[in-house]
């Protein structure tokens, strides 16, 4: 039995472990510069910057989805799903679908005009997962970023 709930400050250690597991899966563990302390402050302080959902079963926390509100000049308010992570041993258990539905329903509750996310072009399991939902894959846009060391 899998349950979904809002993340709480006490979950940050498990959330951070999931983030690091994902970074290893994506062959980029050295790119994680976030910290548990930063997540506590940024997500559970006076002005939270993100919302997270937790998937649990009888063994404990098995997944999370982290999202935040953003704004587009063309689309208005939208929700950006930054990461949806299910620990390897719990993949294909339905946890990912339940987490995605939680973010989807959160987007509807906030009357968002769009739910948006990125997926790596080589991550076929994730692409297949998202293709089960009524989404479009936008080939026109290229993700651009400036890393902290260049700010």
C-alpha atoms as a PDB file:
ATOM      1  CA  UNK A   1       0.000   0.000   0.000  1.00  0.00           C
ATOM      2  CA  UNK A   2       1.450   3.338  -1.086  1.00  0.00           C
ATOM      3  CA  UNK A   3       0.318   6.612   0.428  1.00  0.00           C
ATOM      4  CA  UNK A   4       1.041  10.148  -0.744  1.00  0.00           C
ATOM      5  CA  UNK A   5       1.298  13.108   1.598  1.00  0.00           C
ATOM      6  CA  UNK A   6       2.762  16.601   1.788  1.00  0.00           C
ATOM      7  CA  UNK A   7       6.439  16.615   2.687  1.00  0.00           C
ATOM      8  CA  UNK A   8       7.410  17.832   6.134  1.00  0.00           C
ATOM      9  CA  UNK A   9      10.698  19.149   7.526  1.00  0.00           C
ATOM     10  CA  UNK A  10      11.383  15.750   9.101  1.00  0.00           C
ATOM     11  CA  UNK A  11      11.489  14.229   5.588  1.00  0.00           C
ATOM     12  CA  UNK A  12      14.430  16.287   4.307  1.00  0.00           C
ATOM     13  CA  UNK A  13      17.050  13.624   5.065  1.00  0.00           C
ATOM     14  CA  UNK A  14      15.132  11.017   3.043  1.00  0.00           C
ATOM     15  CA  UNK A  15      14.421  13.544   0.284  1.00  0.00           C
ATOM     16  CA  UNK A  16      18.107  14.398   0.053  1.00  0.00           C
ATOM     17  CA  UNK A  17      18.972  10.703  -0.152  1.00  0.00           C
ATOM     18  CA  UNK A  18      16.551  10.315  -3.069  1.00  0.00           C
ATOM     19  CA  UNK A  19      18.132  13.312  -4.808  1.00  0.00           C
ATOM     20  CA  UNK A  20      21.571  11.759  -4.470  1.00  0.00           C
ATOM     21  CA  UNK A  21      20.271   8.389  -5.724  1.00  0.00           C
ATOM     22  CA  UNK A  22      18.867  10.142  -8.800  1.00  0.00           C
ATOM     23  CA  UNK A  23      22.161  11.973  -9.362  1.00  0.00           C
ATOM     24  CA  UNK A  24      24.018   8.642  -9.355  1.00  0.00           C
ATOM     25  CA  UNK A  25      21.442   7.180 -11.788  1.00  0.00           C
ATOM     26  CA  UNK A  26      21.964  10.176 -14.081  1.00  0.00           C
ATOM     27  CA  UNK A  27      25.758   9.760 -13.762  1.00  0.00           C
ATOM     28  CA  UNK A  28      26.183  13.231 -12.254  1.00  0.00           C
ATOM     29  CA  UNK A  29      26.581  12.917  -8.460  1.00  0.00           C
ATOM     30  CA  UNK A  30      29.193  15.693  -8.400  1.00  0.00           C
ATOM     31  CA  UNK A  31      26.593  18.160  -9.687  1.00  0.00           C
ATOM     32  CA  UNK A  32      24.497  18.077  -6.501  1.00  0.00           C
ATOM     33  CA  UNK A  33      25.414  21.263  -4.628  1.00  0.00           C
ATOM     34  CA  UNK A  34      22.195  21.516  -2.608  1.00  0.00           C
ATOM     35  CA  UNK A  35      22.219  20.541   1.078  1.00  0.00           C
ATOM     36  CA  UNK A  36      19.774  19.337   3.691  1.00  0.00           C
ATOM     37  CA  UNK A  37      20.143  22.637   5.554  1.00  0.00           C
ATOM     38  CA  UNK A  38      19.316  24.603   2.414  1.00  0.00           C
ATOM     39  CA  UNK A  39      16.302  22.395   1.728  1.00  0.00           C
ATOM     40  CA  UNK A  40      15.021  22.907   5.276  1.00  0.00           C
ATOM     41  CA  UNK A  41      15.344  26.668   4.955  1.00  0.00           C
ATOM     42  CA  UNK A  42      14.081  26.901   1.372  1.00  0.00           C
ATOM     43  CA  UNK A  43      11.162  24.503   1.663  1.00  0.00           C
ATOM     44  CA  UNK A  44      10.007  24.673   5.239  1.00  0.00           C
ATOM     45  CA  UNK A  45      10.874  28.186   6.400  1.00  0.00           C
ATOM     46  CA  UNK A  46       8.666  31.273   6.583  1.00  0.00           C
ATOM     47  CA  UNK A  47       8.443  31.682   2.807  1.00  0.00           C
ATOM     48  CA  UNK A  48       8.729  28.226   1.228  1.00  0.00           C
ATOM     49  CA  UNK A  49      10.189  28.182  -2.270  1.00  0.00           C
ATOM     50  CA  UNK A  50       8.924  24.710  -3.118  1.00  0.00           C
ATOM     51  CA  UNK A  51       6.192  22.200  -2.430  1.00  0.00           C
ATOM     52  CA  UNK A  52       6.975  18.504  -2.162  1.00  0.00           C
ATOM     53  CA  UNK A  53       4.963  15.320  -1.972  1.00  0.00           C
ATOM     54  CA  UNK A  54       6.176  12.110  -0.353  1.00  0.00           C
ATOM     55  CA  UNK A  55       5.357   8.516  -1.355  1.00  0.00           C
ATOM     56  CA  UNK A  56       5.508   5.991   1.475  1.00  0.00           C
ATOM     57  CA  UNK A  57       4.875   2.317   1.923  1.00  0.00           C
ATOM     58  CA  UNK A  58       5.347  -0.013   4.884  1.00  0.00           C
ATOM     59  CA  UNK A  59       9.150   0.274   4.528  1.00  0.00           C
ATOM     60  CA  UNK A  60       9.199   4.087   4.672  1.00  0.00           C
ATOM     61  CA  UNK A  61       9.718   6.861   2.131  1.00  0.00           C
ATOM     62  CA  UNK A  62      10.096   5.485  -1.389  1.00  0.00           C
ATOM     63  CA  UNK A  63       9.675   8.587  -3.522  1.00  0.00           C
ATOM     64  CA  UNK A  64       9.085  12.287  -3.798  1.00  0.00           C
ATOM     65  CA  UNK A  65       7.941  14.943  -6.221  1.00  0.00           C
ATOM     66  CA  UNK A  66       9.206  18.500  -5.818  1.00  0.00           C
ATOM     67  CA  UNK A  67       7.558  21.415  -7.597  1.00  0.00           C
ATOM     68  CA  UNK A  68       7.116  25.164  -7.363  1.00  0.00           C
ATOM     69  CA  UNK A  69       4.992  27.981  -8.740  1.00  0.00           C
ATOM     70  CA  UNK A  70       6.350  30.026 -11.602  1.00  0.00           C
ATOM     71  CA  UNK A  71       5.033  32.630 -13.995  1.00  0.00           C
ATOM     72  CA  UNK A  72       5.111  32.948 -17.766  1.00  0.00           C
ATOM     73  CA  UNK A  73       4.406  36.128 -19.701  1.00  0.00           C
ATOM     74  CA  UNK A  74       2.497  34.027 -22.223  1.00  0.00           C
ATOM     75  CA  UNK A  75       0.909  31.393 -20.018  1.00  0.00           C
ATOM     76  CA  UNK A  76       0.544  33.106 -16.648  1.00  0.00           C
ATOM     77  CA  UNK A  77       0.784  30.980 -13.521  1.00  0.00           C
ATOM     78  CA  UNK A  78       2.200  27.500 -13.919  1.00  0.00           C
ATOM     79  CA  UNK A  79       3.657  24.726 -11.791  1.00  0.00           C
ATOM     80  CA  UNK A  80       7.133  23.469 -12.561  1.00  0.00           C
ATOM     81  CA  UNK A  81       7.801  19.866 -11.566  1.00  0.00           C
ATOM     82  CA  UNK A  82      11.504  19.927 -10.781  1.00  0.00           C
ATOM     83  CA  UNK A  83      11.937  16.264  -9.940  1.00  0.00           C
ATOM     84  CA  UNK A  84       9.874  13.137  -9.518  1.00  0.00           C
ATOM     85  CA  UNK A  85      12.003  10.440  -7.915  1.00  0.00           C
ATOM     86  CA  UNK A  86      11.151   6.880  -6.927  1.00  0.00           C
ATOM     87  CA  UNK A  87      13.828   4.765  -5.317  1.00  0.00           C
ATOM     88  CA  UNK A  88      15.029   1.999  -7.619  1.00  0.00           C
ATOM     89  CA  UNK A  89      13.531  -0.857  -5.577  1.00  0.00           C
ATOM     90  CA  UNK A  90      10.059   0.735  -5.734  1.00  0.00           C
ATOM     91  CA  UNK A  91       9.942   1.612  -9.420  1.00  0.00           C
ATOM     92  CA  UNK A  92       6.962   0.157 -11.288  1.00  0.00           C
ATOM     93  CA  UNK A  93       5.041   0.008  -7.986  1.00  0.00           C
ATOM     94  CA  UNK A  94       2.668   2.823  -8.962  1.00  0.00           C
ATOM     95  CA  UNK A  95       4.407   5.350  -6.686  1.00  0.00           C
ATOM     96  CA  UNK A  96       5.478   7.518  -9.632  1.00  0.00           C
ATOM     97  CA  UNK A  97       1.943   7.710 -10.979  1.00  0.00           C
ATOM     98  CA  UNK A  98       0.581   8.634  -7.556  1.00  0.00           C
ATOM     99  CA  UNK A  99       3.215  11.342  -7.120  1.00  0.00           C
ATOM    100  CA  UNK A 100       2.547  12.720 -10.602  1.00  0.00           C
ATOM    101  CA  UNK A 101      -1.188  12.782  -9.866  1.00  0.00           C
ATOM    102  CA  UNK A 102      -0.494  14.689  -6.628  1.00  0.00           C
ATOM    103  CA  UNK A 103       1.388  17.392  -8.550  1.00  0.00           C
ATOM    104  CA  UNK A 104      -1.280  17.403 -11.274  1.00  0.00           C
ATOM    105  CA  UNK A 105      -4.036  17.860  -8.679  1.00  0.00           C
ATOM    106  CA  UNK A 106      -2.002  20.546  -6.898  1.00  0.00           C
ATOM    107  CA  UNK A 107      -1.736  22.388 -10.227  1.00  0.00           C
ATOM    108  CA  UNK A 108      -5.507  22.176 -10.674  1.00  0.00           C
ATOM    109  CA  UNK A 109      -6.121  23.349  -7.099  1.00  0.00           C
ATOM    110  CA  UNK A 110      -3.994  26.447  -7.742  1.00  0.00           C
ATOM    111  CA  UNK A 111      -5.789  27.024 -11.051  1.00  0.00           C
ATOM    112  CA  UNK A 112      -2.469  26.911 -12.884  1.00  0.00           C
ATOM    113  CA  UNK A 113      -2.485  27.334 -16.635  1.00  0.00           C
ATOM    114  CA  UNK A 114       0.211  24.752 -17.197  1.00  0.00           C
ATOM    115  CA  UNK A 115       2.195  21.975 -15.554  1.00  0.00           C
ATOM    116  CA  UNK A 116       5.725  21.903 -16.946  1.00  0.00           C
ATOM    117  CA  UNK A 117       8.846  19.751 -16.488  1.00  0.00           C
ATOM    118  CA  UNK A 118      11.990  18.527 -18.237  1.00  0.00           C
ATOM    119  CA  UNK A 119      13.110  14.986 -18.965  1.00  0.00           C
ATOM    120  CA  UNK A 120      16.550  13.924 -20.173  1.00  0.00           C
ATOM    121  CA  UNK A 121      16.461  12.792 -23.795  1.00  0.00           C
ATOM    122  CA  UNK A 122      18.219   9.494 -22.958  1.00  0.00           C
ATOM    123  CA  UNK A 123      15.954   8.569 -20.031  1.00  0.00           C
ATOM    124  CA  UNK A 124      13.632   6.207 -21.908  1.00  0.00           C
ATOM    125  CA  UNK A 125      11.881   4.855 -18.771  1.00  0.00           C
ATOM    126  CA  UNK A 126      10.925   8.416 -17.745  1.00  0.00           C
ATOM    127  CA  UNK A 127       9.898   9.359 -21.283  1.00  0.00           C
ATOM    128  CA  UNK A 128       7.693   6.268 -21.496  1.00  0.00           C
ATOM    129  CA  UNK A 129       6.180   7.124 -18.114  1.00  0.00           C
ATOM    130  CA  UNK A 130       5.310  10.678 -19.187  1.00  0.00           C
ATOM    131  CA  UNK A 131       3.886   9.524 -22.532  1.00  0.00           C
ATOM    132  CA  UNK A 132       1.108   7.804 -20.553  1.00  0.00           C
ATOM    133  CA  UNK A 133      -0.175  11.266 -19.629  1.00  0.00           C
ATOM    134  CA  UNK A 134      -1.751  13.918 -21.857  1.00  0.00           C
ATOM    135  CA  UNK A 135       1.444  15.924 -22.331  1.00  0.00           C
ATOM    136  CA  UNK A 136       3.392  17.242 -25.264  1.00  0.00           C
ATOM    137  CA  UNK A 137       7.121  16.951 -25.811  1.00  0.00           C
ATOM    138  CA  UNK A 138       8.359  20.346 -26.960  1.00  0.00           C
ATOM    139  CA  UNK A 139      11.194  19.991 -29.471  1.00  0.00           C
ATOM    140  CA  UNK A 140      11.426  23.741 -30.119  1.00  0.00           C
ATOM    141  CA  UNK A 141      12.840  24.892 -26.787  1.00  0.00           C
ATOM    142  CA  UNK A 142      16.390  24.426 -25.566  1.00  0.00           C
ATOM    143  CA  UNK A 143      17.113  24.592 -21.856  1.00  0.00           C
ATOM    144  CA  UNK A 144      19.603  27.348 -21.054  1.00  0.00           C
ATOM    145  CA  UNK A 145      21.256  28.029 -17.717  1.00  0.00           C
ATOM    146  CA  UNK A 146      24.048  29.916 -16.010  1.00  0.00           C
ATOM    147  CA  UNK A 147      25.661  28.009 -13.157  1.00  0.00           C
ATOM    148  CA  UNK A 148      26.392  29.564  -9.760  1.00  0.00           C
ATOM    149  CA  UNK A 149      30.129  29.945 -10.398  1.00  0.00           C
ATOM    150  CA  UNK A 150      29.305  32.262 -13.320  1.00  0.00           C
ATOM    151  CA  UNK A 151      26.736  34.403 -11.521  1.00  0.00           C
END
